[in-house]
C-alpha atoms as a PDB file:
ATOM      1  CA  MET A   1      15.252   0.995  20.948  1.00  0.00           C
ATOM      2  CA  VAL A   2      17.904   3.183  22.183  1.00  0.00           C
ATOM      3  CA  PHE A   3      20.320   1.683  19.854  1.00  0.00           C
ATOM      4  CA  PHE A   4      18.188   2.269  16.835  1.00  0.00           C
ATOM      5  CA  ASN A   5      17.479   5.994  17.694  1.00  0.00           C
ATOM      6  CA  LYS A   6      21.486   6.487  17.907  1.00  0.00           C
ATOM      7  CA  VAL A   7      22.353   4.169  14.804  1.00  0.00           C
ATOM      8  CA  GLY A   8      19.389   5.351  12.564  1.00  0.00           C
ATOM      9  CA  LYS A   9      18.772   3.667   9.693  1.00  0.00           C
ATOM     10  CA  VAL A  10      22.058   1.942   9.039  1.00  0.00           C
ATOM     11  CA  ALA A  11      20.483  -1.029  11.225  1.00  0.00           C
ATOM     12  CA  LEU A  12      17.744  -1.248   8.978  1.00  0.00           C
ATOM     13  CA  GLY A  13      18.563  -4.977   8.984  1.00  0.00           C
ATOM     14  CA  SER A  14      19.210  -5.576  12.477  1.00  0.00           C
ATOM     15  CA  ARG A  15      15.712  -3.750  13.576  1.00  0.00           C
ATOM     16  CA  LEU A  16      13.882  -6.052  10.813  1.00  0.00           C
ATOM     17  CA  ARG A  17      15.606  -9.119  12.359  1.00  0.00           C
ATOM     18  CA  LEU A  18      14.413  -7.642  15.749  1.00  0.00           C
ATOM     19  CA  MET A  19      10.972  -7.283  14.803  1.00  0.00           C
ATOM     20  CA  THR A  20      11.019 -11.010  13.119  1.00  0.00           C
ATOM     21  CA  ALA A  21      12.257 -12.453  16.261  1.00  0.00           C
ATOM     22  CA  ILE A  22       9.554 -11.101  18.332  1.00  0.00           C
ATOM     23  CA  ILE A  23       6.886 -12.177  16.060  1.00  0.00           C
ATOM     24  CA  THR A  24       8.253 -15.581  15.357  1.00  0.00           C
ATOM     25  CA  ASP A  25       8.301 -16.131  19.179  1.00  0.00           C
ATOM     26  CA  ASP A  26       4.735 -15.337  19.470  1.00  0.00           C
ATOM     27  CA  ALA A  27       3.547 -17.308  16.362  1.00  0.00           C
ATOM     28  CA  ALA A  28       5.126 -20.413  18.700  1.00  0.00           C
ATOM     29  CA  LYS A  29       2.769 -19.128  21.142  1.00  0.00           C
ATOM     30  CA  VAL A  30      -0.015 -18.823  19.090  1.00  0.00           C
ATOM     31  CA  TYR A  31       0.581 -22.445  17.857  1.00  0.00           C
ATOM     32  CA  GLU A  32       0.369 -23.602  21.114  1.00  0.00           C
ATOM     33  CA  LEU A  33      -2.836 -21.693  21.955  1.00  0.00           C
ATOM     34  CA  TYR A  34      -4.232 -23.926  18.939  1.00  0.00           C
ATOM     35  CA  GLU A  35      -2.637 -27.043  20.326  1.00  0.00           C
ATOM     36  CA  ALA A  36      -0.878 -27.358  17.051  1.00  0.00           C
ATOM     37  CA  ASP A  37       2.479 -28.962  17.349  1.00  0.00           C
ATOM     38  CA  PHE A  38       4.159 -26.935  14.518  1.00  0.00           C
ATOM     39  CA  MET A  39       6.978 -24.931  13.996  1.00  0.00           C
ATOM     40  CA  PRO A  40       6.638 -21.315  12.479  1.00  0.00           C
ATOM     41  CA  LYS A  41       8.670 -21.545   9.712  1.00  0.00           C
ATOM     42  CA  TRP A  42       6.641 -24.743   8.192  1.00  0.00           C
ATOM     43  CA  PHE A  43       3.685 -22.023   7.647  1.00  0.00           C
ATOM     44  CA  PRO A  44       4.334 -21.051   3.870  1.00  0.00           C
ATOM     45  CA  VAL A  45       5.234 -24.838   2.941  1.00  0.00           C
ATOM     46  CA  PHE A  46       2.151 -26.178   4.805  1.00  0.00           C
ATOM     47  CA  TYR A  47      -0.235 -23.695   3.626  1.00  0.00           C
ATOM     48  CA  THR A  48       0.680 -24.480   0.002  1.00  0.00           C
ATOM     49  CA  LEU A  49      -0.176 -28.258   0.807  1.00  0.00           C
ATOM     50  CA  THR A  50      -3.585 -27.301   1.980  1.00  0.00           C
ATOM     51  CA  GLU A  51      -4.299 -25.438  -0.930  1.00  0.00           C
ATOM     52  CA  GLU A  52      -2.661 -28.419  -3.468  1.00  0.00           C
ATOM     53  CA  ARG A  53      -3.541 -31.818  -2.735  1.00  0.00           C
ATOM     54  CA  GLU A  54      -0.412 -32.731  -4.440  1.00  0.00           C
ATOM     55  CA  ILE A  55       2.456 -30.752  -5.579  1.00  0.00           C
ATOM     56  CA  THR A  56       6.377 -31.279  -6.175  1.00  0.00           C
ATOM     57  CA  ILE A  57       9.484 -29.675  -3.714  1.00  0.00           C
ATOM     58  CA  THR A  58      10.224 -27.260  -6.974  1.00  0.00           C
ATOM     59  CA  GLU A  59       6.471 -26.188  -7.342  1.00  0.00           C
ATOM     60  CA  ILE A  60       6.184 -25.076  -3.981  1.00  0.00           C
ATOM     61  CA  ALA A  61       9.462 -23.140  -3.956  1.00  0.00           C
ATOM     62  CA  ASN A  62       8.522 -21.347  -7.002  1.00  0.00           C
ATOM     63  CA  GLU A  63       5.146 -20.776  -5.245  1.00  0.00           C
ATOM     64  CA  ILE A  64       6.510 -19.006  -2.038  1.00  0.00           C
ATOM     65  CA  GLY A  65       9.814 -17.938  -3.140  1.00  0.00           C
ATOM     66  CA  HIS A  66      12.281 -19.894  -1.348  1.00  0.00           C
ATOM     67  CA  SER A  67      14.915 -21.980  -2.206  1.00  0.00           C
ATOM     68  CA  GLN A  68      14.404 -25.297  -3.404  1.00  0.00           C
ATOM     69  CA  PRO A  69      16.785 -26.768  -0.636  1.00  0.00           C
ATOM     70  CA  SER A  70      15.253 -24.922   1.933  1.00  0.00           C
ATOM     71  CA  VAL A  71      11.813 -26.350   1.045  1.00  0.00           C
ATOM     72  CA  SER A  72      13.365 -29.834   0.699  1.00  0.00           C
ATOM     73  CA  LYS A  73      14.526 -29.300   4.220  1.00  0.00           C
ATOM     74  CA  ILE A  74      11.235 -28.259   5.874  1.00  0.00           C
ATOM     75  CA  VAL A  75       9.599 -31.150   4.074  1.00  0.00           C
ATOM     76  CA  GLN A  76      11.513 -33.825   5.606  1.00  0.00           C
ATOM     77  CA  GLU A  77      11.023 -32.064   9.248  1.00  0.00           C
ATOM     78  CA  MET A  78       7.169 -32.339   8.692  1.00  0.00           C
ATOM     79  CA  ILE A  79       7.599 -36.067   7.272  1.00  0.00           C
ATOM     80  CA  THR A  80       9.689 -36.721  10.379  1.00  0.00           C
ATOM     81  CA  ALA A  81       6.633 -34.776  12.527  1.00  0.00           C
ATOM     82  CA  GLY A  82       4.208 -36.946  10.475  1.00  0.00           C
ATOM     83  CA  LEU A  83       2.192 -34.216   8.733  1.00  0.00           C
ATOM     84  CA  VAL A  84       3.429 -34.997   5.062  1.00  0.00           C
ATOM     85  CA  ASN A  85       3.823 -37.673   2.729  1.00  0.00           C
ATOM     86  CA  ASP A  86       6.504 -37.883  -0.094  1.00  0.00           C
ATOM     87  CA  ASN A  87       7.385 -40.224  -3.406  1.00  0.00           C
ATOM     88  CA  LEU A  88       3.440 -40.596  -3.965  1.00  0.00           C
ATOM     89  CA  LYS A  89       2.691 -42.632  -6.848  1.00  0.00           C
ATOM     90  CA  THR A  90       2.549 -40.527 -10.255  1.00  0.00           C
ATOM     91  CA  THR A  91       2.680 -41.543 -13.843  1.00  0.00           C
ATOM     92  CA  ASP A  92       5.995 -39.222 -14.146  1.00  0.00           C
ATOM     93  CA  LYS A  93       8.739 -40.834 -12.017  1.00  0.00           C
ATOM     94  CA  ARG A  94      10.859 -37.848 -12.251  1.00  0.00           C
ATOM     95  CA  ARG A  95       8.502 -35.777 -10.174  1.00  0.00           C
ATOM     96  CA  ASN A  96       8.703 -35.932  -6.412  1.00  0.00           C
ATOM     97  CA  ILE A  97       5.105 -35.290  -5.353  1.00  0.00           C
ATOM     98  CA  VAL A  98       4.220 -34.369  -1.701  1.00  0.00           C
ATOM     99  CA  ALA A  99       1.128 -33.924   0.236  1.00  0.00           C
ATOM    100  CA  LEU A 100      -0.348 -33.616   3.953  1.00  0.00           C
ATOM    101  CA  THR A 101      -1.015 -36.862   5.657  1.00  0.00           C
ATOM    102  CA  GLU A 102      -4.411 -37.498   7.513  1.00  0.00           C
ATOM    103  CA  LYS A 103      -2.522 -36.049  10.427  1.00  0.00           C
ATOM    104  CA  GLY A 104      -1.734 -33.081   8.427  1.00  0.00           C
ATOM    105  CA  LEU A 105      -5.074 -32.405   7.053  1.00  0.00           C
ATOM    106  CA  ILE A 106      -6.451 -32.793  10.756  1.00  0.00           C
ATOM    107  CA  LEU A 107      -3.917 -30.067  11.593  1.00  0.00           C
ATOM    108  CA  SER A 108      -4.555 -28.113   8.527  1.00  0.00           C
ATOM    109  CA  LYS A 109      -8.416 -27.592  10.415  1.00  0.00           C
ATOM    110  CA  LYS A 110      -6.999 -25.791  13.295  1.00  0.00           C
ATOM    111  CA  ILE A 111      -4.619 -23.682  11.644  1.00  0.00           C
ATOM    112  CA  LYS A 112      -7.385 -22.378   9.539  1.00  0.00           C
ATOM    113  CA  LEU A 113      -9.015 -21.355  12.089  1.00  0.00           C
ATOM    114  CA  GLN A 114      -6.134 -19.961  13.712  1.00  0.00           C
ATOM    115  CA  CYS A 115      -5.556 -18.039  10.726  1.00  0.00           C
ATOM    116  CA  ILE A 116      -8.926 -16.093  10.863  1.00  0.00           C
ATOM    117  CA  ASP A 117      -8.161 -15.027  14.260  1.00  0.00           C
ATOM    118  CA  VAL A 118      -4.593 -13.867  13.302  1.00  0.00           C
ATOM    119  CA  GLU A 119      -5.598 -12.034  10.342  1.00  0.00           C
ATOM    120  CA  ALA A 120      -8.406 -10.072  12.826  1.00  0.00           C
ATOM    121  CA  ALA A 121      -5.465  -9.470  15.265  1.00  0.00           C
ATOM    122  CA  VAL A 122      -2.870  -7.877  12.345  1.00  0.00           C
ATOM    123  CA  GLU A 123      -5.895  -5.907  11.062  1.00  0.00           C
ATOM    124  CA  SER A 124      -6.875  -4.639  14.587  1.00  0.00           C
ATOM    125  CA  LEU A 125      -2.822  -3.681  15.018  1.00  0.00           C
ATOM    126  CA  ILE A 126      -2.760  -1.767  11.582  1.00  0.00           C
ATOM    127  CA  SER A 127      -5.748   0.267  12.453  1.00  0.00           C
ATOM    128  CA  GLU A 128      -3.983   1.249  15.855  1.00  0.00           C
ATOM    129  CA  SER A 129      -0.713   2.400  14.054  1.00  0.00           C
ATOM    130  CA  ASN A 130      -0.284   5.825  12.169  1.00  0.00           C
ATOM    131  CA  HIS A 131       1.544   3.413   9.159  1.00  0.00           C
ATOM    132  CA  ASN A 132       0.154   0.806   7.481  1.00  0.00           C
ATOM    133  CA  LEU A 133       3.144  -1.648   7.673  1.00  0.00           C
ATOM    134  CA  TRP A 134       1.762  -4.446   5.451  1.00  0.00           C
ATOM    135  CA  ALA A 135       1.191  -1.871   2.838  1.00  0.00           C
ATOM    136  CA  ALA A 136       4.368  -0.736   3.192  1.00  0.00           C
ATOM    137  CA  LEU A 137       6.151  -3.987   3.177  1.00  0.00           C
ATOM    138  CA  GLU A 138       4.735  -4.599  -0.355  1.00  0.00           C
ATOM    139  CA  GLU A 139       5.810  -1.262  -1.698  1.00  0.00           C
ATOM    140  CA  TRP A 140       9.011  -1.974  -0.364  1.00  0.00           C
ATOM    141  CA  GLU A 141       9.457  -5.145  -1.983  1.00  0.00           C
ATOM    142  CA  PHE A 142       8.541  -3.936  -5.281  1.00  0.00           C
ATOM    143  CA  LEU A 143      11.037  -1.169  -5.042  1.00  0.00           C
ATOM    144  CA  LEU A 144      13.916  -3.231  -3.709  1.00  0.00           C
ATOM    145  CA  GLU A 145      12.921  -5.782  -6.756  1.00  0.00           C
ATOM    146  CA  GLN A 146      13.518  -2.661  -9.128  1.00  0.00           C
ATOM    147  CA  LYS A 147      16.743  -1.762  -7.507  1.00  0.00           C
ATOM    148  CA  SER A 148      18.308  -4.080  -4.556  1.00  0.00           C
ATOM    149  CA  LEU A 149      19.784  -2.415  -1.160  1.00  0.00           C
ATOM    150  CA  PHE A 150      23.040  -3.155  -2.448  1.00  0.00           C
ATOM    151  CA  LYS A 151      22.741  -1.011  -5.885  1.00  0.00           C
ATOM    152  CA  ARG A 152      21.578   1.709  -4.068  1.00  0.00           C
ATOM    153  CA  VAL A 153      24.196   1.781  -1.212  1.00  0.00           C
ATOM    154  CA  ASN A 154      26.664   1.437  -4.272  1.00  0.00           C
ATOM    155  CA  GLU A 155      25.353   4.501  -5.944  1.00  0.00           C
ATOM    156  CA  GLN A 156      25.924   6.646  -2.917  1.00  0.00           C
ATOM    157  CA  LYS A 157      29.221   5.286  -2.811  1.00  0.00           C
ATOM    158  CA  LYS A 158      29.651   6.516  -5.858  1.00  0.00           C
ATOM    159  CA  MET A 159      28.213  10.020  -5.449  1.00  0.00           C
ATOM    160  CA  ARG A 160      30.171  10.477  -2.380  1.00  0.00           C
ATOM    161  CA  GLU A 161      33.731   9.130  -3.877  1.00  0.00           C
ATOM    162  CA  SER A 162      32.956  11.109  -7.116  1.00  0.00           C
ATOM    163  CA  GLN A 163      32.703  14.399  -4.672  1.00  0.00           C
ATOM    164  CA  ASP A 164      36.608  14.067  -4.535  1.00  0.00           C
ATOM    165  CA  VAL A 165      37.263  13.602  -8.013  1.00  0.00           C
ATOM    166  CA  GLN A 166      38.569  16.806 -10.208  1.00  0.00           C
ATOM    167  CA  ILE A 167      38.334  17.173 -13.851  1.00  0.00           C
ATOM    168  CA  ILE A 168      40.714  19.731 -15.068  1.00  0.00           C
ATOM    169  CA  GLU A 169      42.729  20.617 -18.425  1.00  0.00           C
ATOM    170  CA  TYR A 170      45.502  18.686 -19.673  1.00  0.00           C
ATOM    171  CA  THR A 171      48.912  20.395 -19.086  1.00  0.00           C
ATOM    172  CA  PRO A 172      52.162  18.659 -20.504  1.00  0.00           C
ATOM    173  CA  GLU A 173      52.790  17.430 -16.552  1.00  0.00           C
ATOM    174  CA  TYR A 174      50.432  14.626 -17.457  1.00  0.00           C
ATOM    175  CA  GLN A 175      51.515  13.483 -20.748  1.00  0.00           C
ATOM    176  CA  GLU A 176      53.002  10.569 -19.099  1.00  0.00           C
ATOM    177  CA  ALA A 177      49.672   9.697 -17.184  1.00  0.00           C
ATOM    178  CA  PHE A 178      47.670  10.267 -20.549  1.00  0.00           C
ATOM    179  CA  LYS A 179      49.829   7.745 -22.236  1.00  0.00           C
ATOM    180  CA  ALA A 180      50.037   5.177 -19.630  1.00  0.00           C
ATOM    181  CA  LEU A 181      46.334   5.012 -18.837  1.00  0.00           C
ATOM    182  CA  ASN A 182      45.562   4.356 -22.316  1.00  0.00           C
ATOM    183  CA  GLU A 183      48.227   2.056 -22.873  1.00  0.00           C
ATOM    184  CA  GLU A 184      46.695   0.108 -19.694  1.00  0.00           C
ATOM    185  CA  TRP A 185      43.546  -0.510 -20.979  1.00  0.00           C
ATOM    186  CA  ILE A 186      44.197  -0.733 -24.801  1.00  0.00           C
ATOM    187  CA  SER A 187      47.062  -3.647 -24.137  1.00  0.00           C
ATOM    188  CA  THR A 188      44.332  -5.540 -21.450  1.00  0.00           C
ATOM    189  CA  TYR A 189      41.787  -5.952 -24.122  1.00  0.00           C
ATOM    190  CA  PHE A 190      43.580  -5.310 -27.823  1.00  0.00           C
ATOM    191  CA  GLU A 191      47.002  -4.447 -29.451  1.00  0.00           C
ATOM    192  CA  MET A 192      48.381  -0.857 -29.394  1.00  0.00           C
ATOM    193  CA  GLU A 193      48.057   0.637 -33.298  1.00  0.00           C
ATOM    194  CA  GLU A 194      49.989   3.174 -34.989  1.00  0.00           C
ATOM    195  CA  ALA A 195      47.036   5.594 -34.869  1.00  0.00           C
ATOM    196  CA  ASP A 196      47.357   5.121 -30.946  1.00  0.00           C
ATOM    197  CA  TYR A 197      51.000   6.137 -30.863  1.00  0.00           C
ATOM    198  CA  LYS A 198      50.396   9.218 -32.713  1.00  0.00           C
ATOM    199  CA  ALA A 199      48.117  10.444 -30.325  1.00  0.00           C
ATOM    200  CA  LEU A 200      49.412   9.484 -27.331  1.00  0.00           C
ATOM    201  CA  ASP A 201      53.388  10.165 -28.003  1.00  0.00           C
ATOM    202  CA  ASN A 202      52.288  13.666 -29.381  1.00  0.00           C
ATOM    203  CA  PRO A 203      49.383  15.064 -27.832  1.00  0.00           C
ATOM    204  CA  LYS A 204      49.887  18.779 -28.280  1.00  0.00           C
ATOM    205  CA  GLU A 205      50.492  18.204 -32.203  1.00  0.00           C
ATOM    206  CA  TYR A 206      47.765  15.801 -32.630  1.00  0.00           C
ATOM    207  CA  ILE A 207      45.470  17.131 -30.648  1.00  0.00           C
ATOM    208  CA  LEU A 208      45.778  20.384 -28.877  1.00  0.00           C
ATOM    209  CA  ASP A 209      47.365  22.056 -31.821  1.00  0.00           C
ATOM    210  CA  LYS A 210      44.131  21.240 -33.956  1.00  0.00           C
ATOM    211  CA  GLY A 211      41.811  22.836 -31.819  1.00  0.00           C
ATOM    212  CA  GLY A 212      41.047  19.744 -29.320  1.00  0.00           C
ATOM    213  CA  LYS A 213      41.217  19.660 -25.521  1.00  0.00           C
ATOM    214  CA  ILE A 214      42.343  16.685 -23.129  1.00  0.00           C
ATOM    215  CA  LEU A 215      40.766  16.591 -19.756  1.00  0.00           C
ATOM    216  CA  VAL A 216      42.283  14.664 -16.607  1.00  0.00           C
ATOM    217  CA  ALA A 217      40.350  13.482 -13.901  1.00  0.00           C
ATOM    218  CA  LEU A 218      42.301  13.843 -10.781  1.00  0.00           C
ATOM    219  CA  TYR A 219      41.178  11.771  -7.492  1.00  0.00           C
ATOM    220  CA  LYS A 220      42.914  12.982  -4.417  1.00  0.00           C
ATOM    221  CA  ASN A 221      45.535  14.684  -6.705  1.00  0.00           C
ATOM    222  CA  GLU A 222      46.335  11.502  -8.673  1.00  0.00           C
ATOM    223  CA  PRO A 223      45.556  11.497 -12.289  1.00  0.00           C
ATOM    224  CA  VAL A 224      43.457   8.506 -12.653  1.00  0.00           C
ATOM    225  CA  GLY A 225      41.234   9.247 -15.733  1.00  0.00           C
ATOM    226  CA  VAL A 226      41.738  11.142 -19.039  1.00  0.00           C
ATOM    227  CA  CYS A 227      39.428  11.774 -22.287  1.00  0.00           C
ATOM    228  CA  ALA A 228      40.556  13.457 -25.343  1.00  0.00           C
ATOM    229  CA  LEU A 229      38.264  15.885 -27.691  1.00  0.00           C
ATOM    230  CA  ILE A 230      39.748  15.751 -31.175  1.00  0.00           C
ATOM    231  CA  LYS A 231      38.954  18.145 -34.275  1.00  0.00           C
ATOM    232  CA  MET A 232      37.740  16.036 -37.195  1.00  0.00           C
ATOM    233  CA  ASN A 233      38.026  16.968 -40.660  1.00  0.00           C
ATOM    234  CA  ASP A 234      34.338  15.407 -41.624  1.00  0.00           C
ATOM    235  CA  GLU A 235      31.545  17.229 -42.815  1.00  0.00           C
ATOM    236  CA  ASN A 236      29.067  15.493 -40.511  1.00  0.00           C
ATOM    237  CA  TYR A 237      31.240  15.928 -37.203  1.00  0.00           C
ATOM    238  CA  ASP A 238      32.936  18.612 -35.622  1.00  0.00           C
ATOM    239  CA  PHE A 239      34.666  16.444 -32.675  1.00  0.00           C
ATOM    240  CA  GLU A 240      35.764  13.005 -31.785  1.00  0.00           C
ATOM    241  CA  MET A 241      35.407  11.723 -28.268  1.00  0.00           C
ATOM    242  CA  ALA A 242      38.428   9.757 -27.713  1.00  0.00           C
ATOM    243  CA  LYS A 243      41.437   8.170 -25.549  1.00  0.00           C
ATOM    244  CA  MET A 244      39.063   7.837 -22.607  1.00  0.00           C
ATOM    245  CA  ALA A 245      40.888   5.900 -19.819  1.00  0.00           C
ATOM    246  CA  VAL A 246      40.262   5.189 -16.280  1.00  0.00           C
ATOM    247  CA  SER A 247      42.834   3.348 -14.314  1.00  0.00           C
ATOM    248  CA  PRO A 248      41.262   0.341 -12.792  1.00  0.00           C
ATOM    249  CA  LYS A 249      42.248   0.941  -8.884  1.00  0.00           C
ATOM    250  CA  ALA A 250      39.885   4.023  -9.472  1.00  0.00           C
ATOM    251  CA  GLN A 251      36.825   2.344 -11.072  1.00  0.00           C
ATOM    252  CA  GLY A 252      33.505   2.676  -9.223  1.00  0.00           C
ATOM    253  CA  LYS A 253      33.804   6.514  -8.796  1.00  0.00           C
ATOM    254  CA  SER A 254      31.677   7.408 -11.823  1.00  0.00           C
ATOM    255  CA  ILE A 255      35.178   8.862 -13.061  1.00  0.00           C
ATOM    256  CA  GLY A 256      34.190   7.748 -16.911  1.00  0.00           C
ATOM    257  CA  TRP A 257      31.032   9.516 -16.355  1.00  0.00           C
ATOM    258  CA  LEU A 258      32.603  12.798 -15.057  1.00  0.00           C
ATOM    259  CA  LEU A 259      34.979  13.089 -17.754  1.00  0.00           C
ATOM    260  CA  GLY A 260      32.350  11.898 -20.565  1.00  0.00           C
ATOM    261  CA  GLU A 261      29.876  14.976 -18.964  1.00  0.00           C
ATOM    262  CA  ALA A 262      32.852  17.173 -19.510  1.00  0.00           C
ATOM    263  CA  ILE A 263      33.993  16.522 -22.574  1.00  0.00           C
ATOM    264  CA  VAL A 264      29.932  17.050 -24.083  1.00  0.00           C
ATOM    265  CA  LYS A 265      30.080  20.102 -22.109  1.00  0.00           C
ATOM    266  CA  ASN A 266      33.392  21.522 -23.834  1.00  0.00           C
ATOM    267  CA  ALA A 267      32.320  20.261 -27.227  1.00  0.00           C
ATOM    268  CA  LYS A 268      29.314  22.450 -26.833  1.00  0.00           C
ATOM    269  CA  GLU A 269      31.239  25.570 -25.697  1.00  0.00           C
ATOM    270  CA  LEU A 270      33.502  25.026 -28.799  1.00  0.00           C
ATOM    271  CA  GLY A 271      30.349  24.983 -30.768  1.00  0.00           C
ATOM    272  CA  ALA A 272      29.941  21.556 -31.583  1.00  0.00           C
ATOM    273  CA  SER A 273      26.790  20.395 -33.169  1.00  0.00           C
ATOM    274  CA  LYS A 274      27.615  16.276 -33.408  1.00  0.00           C
ATOM    275  CA  LEU A 275      30.146  14.420 -31.482  1.00  0.00           C
ATOM    276  CA  TYR A 276      31.407  11.245 -32.499  1.00  0.00           C
ATOM    277  CA  LEU A 277      32.888   8.029 -30.881  1.00  0.00           C
ATOM    278  CA  GLU A 278      34.393   4.830 -31.753  1.00  0.00           C
ATOM    279  CA  SER A 279      34.769   1.880 -29.743  1.00  0.00           C
ATOM    280  CA  ASN A 280      34.200  -2.258 -29.052  1.00  0.00           C
ATOM    281  CA  THR A 281      31.336  -4.124 -28.149  1.00  0.00           C
ATOM    282  CA  ILE A 282      33.412  -6.155 -25.615  1.00  0.00           C
ATOM    283  CA  LEU A 283      33.622  -2.841 -23.553  1.00  0.00           C
ATOM    284  CA  LYS A 284      30.432  -3.330 -22.188  1.00  0.00           C
ATOM    285  CA  PRO A 285      30.394  -0.759 -19.339  1.00  0.00           C
ATOM    286  CA  ALA A 286      31.759   1.991 -21.587  1.00  0.00           C
ATOM    287  CA  ILE A 287      29.145   1.100 -24.398  1.00  0.00           C
ATOM    288  CA  ASN A 288      26.449   1.593 -21.293  1.00  0.00           C
ATOM    289  CA  LEU A 289      27.940   4.563 -20.666  1.00  0.00           C
ATOM    290  CA  TYR A 290      28.032   6.321 -23.981  1.00  0.00           C
ATOM    291  CA  HIS A 291      24.525   5.315 -24.236  1.00  0.00           C
ATOM    292  CA  LYS A 292      23.873   6.843 -20.940  1.00  0.00           C
ATOM    293  CA  LEU A 293      25.267   9.808 -22.308  1.00  0.00           C
ATOM    294  CA  GLY A 294      22.849  10.280 -25.022  1.00  0.00           C
ATOM    295  CA  PHE A 295      25.180   8.629 -28.032  1.00  0.00           C
ATOM    296  CA  GLU A 296      23.336   6.462 -30.699  1.00  0.00           C
ATOM    297  CA  LYS A 297      24.889   3.954 -32.842  1.00  0.00           C
ATOM    298  CA  VAL A 298      25.695   4.893 -36.670  1.00  0.00           C
ATOM    299  CA  SER A 299      27.810   3.622 -39.040  1.00  0.00           C
ATOM    300  CA  GLY A 300      29.867   4.437 -42.355  1.00  0.00           C
ATOM    301  CA  LEU A 301      32.784   6.236 -41.639  1.00  0.00           C
ATOM    302  CA  ALA A 302      36.570   4.968 -42.139  1.00  0.00           C
ATOM    303  CA  THR A 303      38.529   4.282 -39.049  1.00  0.00           C
ATOM    304  CA  PRO A 304      42.351   3.773 -38.456  1.00  0.00           C
ATOM    305  CA  TYR A 305      41.503   1.020 -35.650  1.00  0.00           C
ATOM    306  CA  LYS A 306      41.577  -2.564 -36.188  1.00  0.00           C
ATOM    307  CA  ARG A 307      39.600  -2.951 -32.917  1.00  0.00           C
ATOM    308  CA  CYS A 308      36.733  -0.646 -33.984  1.00  0.00           C
ATOM    309  CA  ASN A 309      33.328  -2.488 -34.595  1.00  0.00           C
ATOM    310  CA  ILE A 310      30.975   0.242 -33.257  1.00  0.00           C
ATOM    311  CA  GLN A 311      30.738   3.833 -34.026  1.00  0.00           C
ATOM    312  CA  MET A 312      28.441   6.162 -32.290  1.00  0.00           C
ATOM    313  CA  GLU A 313      27.432   9.874 -32.398  1.00  0.00           C
ATOM    314  CA  LEU A 314      25.571  12.475 -30.249  1.00  0.00           C
ATOM    315  CA  ILE A 315      23.897  15.048 -31.309  1.00  0.00           C
ATOM    316  CA  ILE A 316      24.323  18.352 -28.880  1.00  0.00           C
ATOM    317  CA  LYS A 317      21.171  20.295 -28.346  1.00  0.00           C
END
């Protein structure tokens, strides 16, 4: 176990596979002990058949959480071993029914006795250990069902990479990036409109001089994301969050979230009580981000954009 102590939790899968191999090797010896000509991998399917006299392969797969092709392969192996019959007579010809043969039923009696002894052995092992592995496995299965290991690793990756992201205030040197990043995403999904060019060609006049702000996200000193806070002439809203764009090559680093958080913070510092935005529902990641930031759907305001089909607001607390 020196390797696992050295590598740590990164080798979780390898360590579980090693333990599985050890237990599987012992399982084969246990079947020999009970004079059962049986392969350990057959057990979930075989045990299900001991409870159900007749059942379909699909039903077995659903019961034990295996794929249908995997169950089909095991059933074929057990048919070859003389333990299972398939294509049994049924009123529904579409259902491929399988059941234990006489040989399989005789073997099931041996395996039931074996299960009693194995259960007692595992209970003994649990009583000798400081941690209940069986209970822990059940807990881990539940937690991984809620959020997979892949998603958890991806979150950690985003958190680590986001530490290399800087959110800074706009300066004229970033005008080209501000326009290019917005043109890139707008042109990918829609068409550039007159209102776009007004803001992107003249950010100082259209946004900054009117009391707004533009924030730029730098990743390793390269501008990869932008977002604007535009002053509104509306009795209900102080500012609009607009012109958020993140380079495709920098996505997955939580840059949109960091920009959104920073924009909300700036709006609050400027005394805003409500923040407004416009978007389109085909931009699902963006809509999810806005919901995560606390925005909720509203309607009724006139919009200069043809592409807008959803309006949202955030009440700043």
